[in-house]
PDB file of N, CA and C in Angstrom:
ATOM      1  N   MET A   1       0.840  -1.171   0.000  1.00  0.00           N
ATOM      2  CA  MET A   1       0.000   0.000   0.000  1.00  0.00           C
ATOM      3  C   MET A   1       0.893   1.245   0.000  1.00  0.00           C
ATOM      4  N   THR A   2       0.597   2.193  -0.860  1.00  0.00           N
ATOM      5  CA  THR A   2       1.393   3.405  -0.933  1.00  0.00           C
ATOM      6  C   THR A   2       0.898   4.427   0.074  1.00  0.00           C
ATOM      7  N   VAL A   3       1.705   5.453   0.291  1.00  0.00           N
ATOM      8  CA  VAL A   3       1.338   6.501   1.233  1.00  0.00           C
ATOM      9  C   VAL A   3       0.033   7.168   0.814  1.00  0.00           C
ATOM     10  N   SER A   4      -0.140   7.436  -0.490  1.00  0.00           N
ATOM     11  CA  SER A   4      -1.368   8.091  -0.942  1.00  0.00           C
ATOM     12  C   SER A   4      -2.580   7.200  -0.685  1.00  0.00           C
ATOM     13  N   ASN A   5      -2.426   5.889  -0.846  1.00  0.00           N
ATOM     14  CA  ASN A   5      -3.530   4.975  -0.541  1.00  0.00           C
ATOM     15  C   ASN A   5      -3.859   4.984   0.945  1.00  0.00           C
ATOM     16  N   GLN A   6      -2.848   5.016   1.781  1.00  0.00           N
ATOM     17  CA  GLN A   6      -3.061   5.055   3.226  1.00  0.00           C
ATOM     18  C   GLN A   6      -3.787   6.336   3.618  1.00  0.00           C
ATOM     19  N   LEU A   7      -3.393   7.456   3.023  1.00  0.00           N
ATOM     20  CA  LEU A   7      -4.032   8.724   3.317  1.00  0.00           C
ATOM     21  C   LEU A   7      -5.484   8.706   2.859  1.00  0.00           C
ATOM     22  N   GLN A   8      -5.730   8.174   1.678  1.00  0.00           N
ATOM     23  CA  GLN A   8      -7.096   8.104   1.166  1.00  0.00           C
ATOM     24  C   GLN A   8      -7.966   7.242   2.088  1.00  0.00           C
ATOM     25  N   ILE A   9      -7.455   6.130   2.531  1.00  0.00           N
ATOM     26  CA  ILE A   9      -8.200   5.261   3.437  1.00  0.00           C
ATOM     27  C   ILE A   9      -8.494   5.986   4.746  1.00  0.00           C
ATOM     28  N   GLU A  10      -7.518   6.704   5.282  1.00  0.00           N
ATOM     29  CA  GLU A  10      -7.718   7.461   6.526  1.00  0.00           C
ATOM     30  C   GLU A  10      -8.791   8.531   6.330  1.00  0.00           C
ATOM     31  N   LEU A  11      -8.759   9.248   5.223  1.00  0.00           N
ATOM     32  CA  LEU A  11      -9.756  10.287   4.956  1.00  0.00           C
ATOM     33  C   LEU A  11     -11.145   9.680   4.777  1.00  0.00           C
ATOM     34  N   MET A  12     -11.232   8.568   4.067  1.00  0.00           N
ATOM     35  CA  MET A  12     -12.511   7.889   3.867  1.00  0.00           C
ATOM     36  C   MET A  12     -13.093   7.446   5.216  1.00  0.00           C
ATOM     37  N   THR A  13     -12.239   6.901   6.072  1.00  0.00           N
ATOM     38  CA  THR A  13     -12.664   6.434   7.388  1.00  0.00           C
ATOM     39  C   THR A  13     -13.138   7.598   8.241  1.00  0.00           C
ATOM     40  N   ARG A  14     -12.375   8.671   8.236  1.00  0.00           N
ATOM     41  CA  ARG A  14     -12.743   9.854   9.021  1.00  0.00           C
ATOM     42  C   ARG A  14     -14.073  10.432   8.552  1.00  0.00           C
ATOM     43  N   LEU A  15     -14.255  10.484   7.258  1.00  0.00           N
ATOM     44  CA  LEU A  15     -15.494  11.019   6.699  1.00  0.00           C
ATOM     45  C   LEU A  15     -16.678  10.129   7.056  1.00  0.00           C
ATOM     46  N   SER A  16     -16.527   8.836   6.873  1.00  0.00           N
ATOM     47  CA  SER A  16     -17.610   7.897   7.180  1.00  0.00           C
ATOM     48  C   SER A  16     -17.977   7.929   8.660  1.00  0.00           C
ATOM     49  N   ARG A  17     -16.981   7.959   9.541  1.00  0.00           N
ATOM     50  CA  ARG A  17     -17.246   8.015  10.984  1.00  0.00           C
ATOM     51  C   ARG A  17     -17.939   9.319  11.365  1.00  0.00           C
ATOM     52  N   GLY A  18     -17.468  10.421  10.789  1.00  0.00           N
ATOM     53  CA  GLY A  18     -18.067  11.710  11.084  1.00  0.00           C
ATOM     54  C   GLY A  18     -19.524  11.765  10.672  1.00  0.00           C
ATOM     55  N   MET A  19     -19.826  11.207   9.513  1.00  0.00           N
ATOM     56  CA  MET A  19     -21.209  11.172   9.048  1.00  0.00           C
ATOM     57  C   MET A  19     -22.058  10.301   9.976  1.00  0.00           C
ATOM     58  N   LYS A  20     -21.536   9.159  10.348  1.00  0.00           N
ATOM     59  CA  LYS A  20     -22.275   8.243  11.219  1.00  0.00           C
ATOM     60  C   LYS A  20     -22.531   8.880  12.578  1.00  0.00           C
ATOM     61  N   ASN A  21     -21.514   9.530  13.146  1.00  0.00           N
ATOM     62  CA  ASN A  21     -21.648  10.156  14.461  1.00  0.00           C
ATOM     63  C   ASN A  21     -22.696  11.266  14.467  1.00  0.00           C
ATOM     64  N   ARG A  22     -22.906  11.890  13.325  1.00  0.00           N
ATOM     65  CA  ARG A  22     -23.865  12.989  13.227  1.00  0.00           C
ATOM     66  C   ARG A  22     -25.206  12.544  12.641  1.00  0.00           C
ATOM     67  N   ASN A  23     -25.292  11.258  12.303  1.00  0.00           N
ATOM     68  CA  ASN A  23     -26.489  10.727  11.651  1.00  0.00           C
ATOM     69  C   ASN A  23     -26.791  11.454  10.342  1.00  0.00           C
ATOM     70  N   TRP A  24     -25.740  11.735   9.586  1.00  0.00           N
ATOM     71  CA  TRP A  24     -25.878  12.403   8.297  1.00  0.00           C
ATOM     72  C   TRP A  24     -25.764  11.378   7.185  1.00  0.00           C
ATOM     73  N   GLY A  25     -26.583  11.531   6.186  1.00  0.00           N
ATOM     74  CA  GLY A  25     -26.420  10.784   4.953  1.00  0.00           C
ATOM     75  C   GLY A  25     -25.588  11.619   3.991  1.00  0.00           C
ATOM     76  N   GLN A  26     -25.359  11.073   2.830  1.00  0.00           N
ATOM     77  CA  GLN A  26     -24.584  11.790   1.826  1.00  0.00           C
ATOM     78  C   GLN A  26     -25.283  13.072   1.391  1.00  0.00           C
ATOM     79  N   GLY A  27     -26.606  13.053   1.369  1.00  0.00           N
ATOM     80  CA  GLY A  27     -27.363  14.244   0.978  1.00  0.00           C
ATOM     81  C   GLY A  27     -27.143  15.404   1.939  1.00  0.00           C
ATOM     82  N   GLU A  28     -27.142  15.105   3.236  1.00  0.00           N
ATOM     83  CA  GLU A  28     -26.915  16.148   4.237  1.00  0.00           C
ATOM     84  C   GLU A  28     -25.498  16.695   4.147  1.00  0.00           C
ATOM     85  N   LEU A  29     -24.537  15.807   3.980  1.00  0.00           N
ATOM     86  CA  LEU A  29     -23.152  16.251   3.835  1.00  0.00           C
ATOM     87  C   LEU A  29     -23.009  17.105   2.578  1.00  0.00           C
ATOM     88  N   SER A  30     -23.680  16.719   1.512  1.00  0.00           N
ATOM     89  CA  SER A  30     -23.650  17.499   0.278  1.00  0.00           C
ATOM     90  C   SER A  30     -24.207  18.900   0.517  1.00  0.00           C
ATOM     91  N   ARG A  31     -25.329  18.976   1.191  1.00  0.00           N
ATOM     92  CA  ARG A  31     -25.957  20.271   1.469  1.00  0.00           C
ATOM     93  C   ARG A  31     -25.036  21.166   2.292  1.00  0.00           C
ATOM     94  N   ARG A  32     -24.396  20.583   3.291  1.00  0.00           N
ATOM     95  CA  ARG A  32     -23.554  21.380   4.191  1.00  0.00           C
ATOM     96  C   ARG A  32     -22.192  21.723   3.600  1.00  0.00           C
ATOM     97  N   SER A  33     -21.688  20.881   2.707  1.00  0.00           N
ATOM     98  CA  SER A  33     -20.347  21.100   2.153  1.00  0.00           C
ATOM     99  C   SER A  33     -20.356  21.769   0.785  1.00  0.00           C
ATOM    100  N   GLY A  34     -21.473  21.650   0.074  1.00  0.00           N
ATOM    101  CA  GLY A  34     -21.525  22.166  -1.294  1.00  0.00           C
ATOM    102  C   GLY A  34     -20.915  21.218  -2.315  1.00  0.00           C
ATOM    103  N   VAL A  35     -20.537  20.025  -1.874  1.00  0.00           N
ATOM    104  CA  VAL A  35     -19.976  19.012  -2.774  1.00  0.00           C
ATOM    105  C   VAL A  35     -21.134  18.156  -3.285  1.00  0.00           C
ATOM    106  N   PRO A  36     -21.243  17.955  -4.595  1.00  0.00           N
ATOM    107  CA  PRO A  36     -22.347  17.141  -5.125  1.00  0.00           C
ATOM    108  C   PRO A  36     -22.371  15.733  -4.524  1.00  0.00           C
ATOM    109  N   GLN A  37     -23.561  15.227  -4.276  1.00  0.00           N
ATOM    110  CA  GLN A  37     -23.712  13.903  -3.664  1.00  0.00           C
ATOM    111  C   GLN A  37     -23.017  12.806  -4.462  1.00  0.00           C
ATOM    112  N   PRO A  38     -23.092  12.789  -5.808  1.00  0.00           N
ATOM    113  CA  PRO A  38     -22.374  11.731  -6.529  1.00  0.00           C
ATOM    114  C   PRO A  38     -20.858  11.765  -6.281  1.00  0.00           C
ATOM    115  N   THR A  39     -20.308  12.954  -6.113  1.00  0.00           N
ATOM    116  CA  THR A  39     -18.876  13.068  -5.815  1.00  0.00           C
ATOM    117  C   THR A  39     -18.582  12.472  -4.450  1.00  0.00           C
ATOM    118  N   ILE A  40     -19.442  12.745  -3.482  1.00  0.00           N
ATOM    119  CA  ILE A  40     -19.274  12.178  -2.145  1.00  0.00           C
ATOM    120  C   ILE A  40     -19.307  10.658  -2.224  1.00  0.00           C
ATOM    121  N   SER A  41     -20.252  10.120  -2.959  1.00  0.00           N
ATOM    122  CA  SER A  41     -20.352   8.671  -3.128  1.00  0.00           C
ATOM    123  C   SER A  41     -19.067   8.102  -3.719  1.00  0.00           C
ATOM    124  N   HIS A  42     -18.530   8.777  -4.720  1.00  0.00           N
ATOM    125  CA  HIS A  42     -17.315   8.284  -5.376  1.00  0.00           C
ATOM    126  C   HIS A  42     -16.105   8.300  -4.452  1.00  0.00           C
ATOM    127  N   VAL A  43     -15.954   9.365  -3.645  1.00  0.00           N
ATOM    128  CA  VAL A  43     -14.769   9.408  -2.784  1.00  0.00           C
ATOM    129  C   VAL A  43     -14.906   8.459  -1.593  1.00  0.00           C
ATOM    130  N   ILE A  44     -16.118   8.308  -1.068  1.00  0.00           N
ATOM    131  CA  ILE A  44     -16.307   7.379   0.060  1.00  0.00           C
ATOM    132  C   ILE A  44     -16.072   5.938  -0.375  1.00  0.00           C
ATOM    133  N   SER A  45     -16.486   5.611  -1.577  1.00  0.00           N
ATOM    134  CA  SER A  45     -16.325   4.241  -2.070  1.00  0.00           C
ATOM    135  C   SER A  45     -14.911   3.957  -2.573  1.00  0.00           C
ATOM    136  N   GLY A  46     -14.125   5.028  -2.751  1.00  0.00           N
ATOM    137  CA  GLY A  46     -12.773   4.847  -3.279  1.00  0.00           C
ATOM    138  C   GLY A  46     -12.736   4.791  -4.795  1.00  0.00           C
ATOM    139  N   TYR A  47     -13.889   5.019  -5.438  1.00  0.00           N
ATOM    140  CA  TYR A  47     -13.950   4.984  -6.898  1.00  0.00           C
ATOM    141  C   TYR A  47     -13.090   6.091  -7.493  1.00  0.00           C
ATOM    142  N   ARG A  48     -13.106   7.261  -6.838  1.00  0.00           N
ATOM    143  CA  ARG A  48     -12.253   8.379  -7.234  1.00  0.00           C
ATOM    144  C   ARG A  48     -11.560   8.897  -5.983  1.00  0.00           C
ATOM    145  N   PRO A  49     -10.320   9.351  -6.119  1.00  0.00           N
ATOM    146  CA  PRO A  49      -9.599   9.783  -4.920  1.00  0.00           C
ATOM    147  C   PRO A  49     -10.087  11.100  -4.328  1.00  0.00           C
ATOM    148  N   GLY A  50     -10.647  11.978  -5.104  1.00  0.00           N
ATOM    149  CA  GLY A  50     -11.073  13.287  -4.613  1.00  0.00           C
ATOM    150  C   GLY A  50      -9.907  14.254  -4.562  1.00  0.00           C
ATOM    151  N   SER A  51     -10.184  15.490  -4.905  1.00  0.00           N
ATOM    152  CA  SER A  51      -9.145  16.520  -4.881  1.00  0.00           C
ATOM    153  C   SER A  51      -8.959  17.032  -3.452  1.00  0.00           C
ATOM    154  N   LEU A  52      -7.879  17.742  -3.231  1.00  0.00           N
ATOM    155  CA  LEU A  52      -7.655  18.335  -1.910  1.00  0.00           C
ATOM    156  C   LEU A  52      -8.775  19.308  -1.570  1.00  0.00           C
ATOM    157  N   LYS A  53      -9.247  20.059  -2.564  1.00  0.00           N
ATOM    158  CA  LYS A  53     -10.338  21.002  -2.341  1.00  0.00           C
ATOM    159  C   LYS A  53     -11.607  20.273  -1.902  1.00  0.00           C
ATOM    160  N   THR A  54     -11.901  19.156  -2.557  1.00  0.00           N
ATOM    161  CA  THR A  54     -13.086  18.367  -2.194  1.00  0.00           C
ATOM    162  C   THR A  54     -12.970  17.855  -0.767  1.00  0.00           C
ATOM    163  N   TRP A  55     -11.836  17.261  -0.424  1.00  0.00           N
ATOM    164  CA  TRP A  55     -11.646  16.730   0.929  1.00  0.00           C
ATOM    165  C   TRP A  55     -11.727  17.847   1.955  1.00  0.00           C
ATOM    166  N   ASP A  56     -11.174  18.995   1.641  1.00  0.00           N
ATOM    167  CA  ASP A  56     -11.224  20.121   2.562  1.00  0.00           C
ATOM    168  C   ASP A  56     -12.661  20.545   2.816  1.00  0.00           C
ATOM    169  N   ARG A  57     -13.460  20.642   1.779  1.00  0.00           N
ATOM    170  CA  ARG A  57     -14.857  21.033   1.928  1.00  0.00           C
ATOM    171  C   ARG A  57     -15.644  20.007   2.732  1.00  0.00           C
ATOM    172  N   LEU A  58     -15.403  18.733   2.475  1.00  0.00           N
ATOM    173  CA  LEU A  58     -16.125  17.678   3.182  1.00  0.00           C
ATOM    174  C   LEU A  58     -15.762  17.650   4.670  1.00  0.00           C
ATOM    175  N   LEU A  59     -14.478  17.650   4.951  1.00  0.00           N
ATOM    176  CA  LEU A  59     -14.050  17.565   6.346  1.00  0.00           C
ATOM    177  C   LEU A  59     -14.365  18.853   7.113  1.00  0.00           C
ATOM    178  N   SER A  60     -14.304  19.987   6.441  1.00  0.00           N
ATOM    179  CA  SER A  60     -14.665  21.252   7.081  1.00  0.00           C
ATOM    180  C   SER A  60     -16.138  21.272   7.468  1.00  0.00           C
ATOM    181  N   ALA A  61     -16.983  20.700   6.626  1.00  0.00           N
ATOM    182  CA  ALA A  61     -18.416  20.624   6.935  1.00  0.00           C
ATOM    183  C   ALA A  61     -18.637  19.798   8.193  1.00  0.00           C
ATOM    184  N   LEU A  62     -17.882  18.734   8.357  1.00  0.00           N
ATOM    185  CA  LEU A  62     -18.021  17.903   9.563  1.00  0.00           C
ATOM    186  C   LEU A  62     -17.533  18.651  10.798  1.00  0.00           C
ATOM    187  N   GLU A  63     -16.457  19.390  10.663  1.00  0.00           N
ATOM    188  CA  GLU A  63     -15.883  20.100  11.809  1.00  0.00           C
ATOM    189  C   GLU A  63     -16.728  21.294  12.216  1.00  0.00           C
ATOM    190  N   ALA A  64     -17.514  21.841  11.282  1.00  0.00           N
ATOM    191  CA  ALA A  64     -18.337  23.015  11.565  1.00  0.00           C
ATOM    192  C   ALA A  64     -19.525  22.665  12.451  1.00  0.00           C
ATOM    193  N   GLU A  65     -19.867  21.402  12.491  1.00  0.00           N
ATOM    194  CA  GLU A  65     -21.041  20.959  13.265  1.00  0.00           C
ATOM    195  C   GLU A  65     -20.721  20.904  14.731  1.00  0.00           C
TER     196      GLU A  65
END
């Protein structure tokens, strides 16, 4: 596993846990972050890695709560 893969897994885990802890679905995270729901689905599933800007918006939305 490469460093970028490890980082992606850590970000995916953090995002999934944060959503679960807040009882948020992808739609709620999309509304709060401004990131389209299909993009959220792709980064959570690992289908696409997501840009730094996307990850920043997603994680910032979780921290704002």
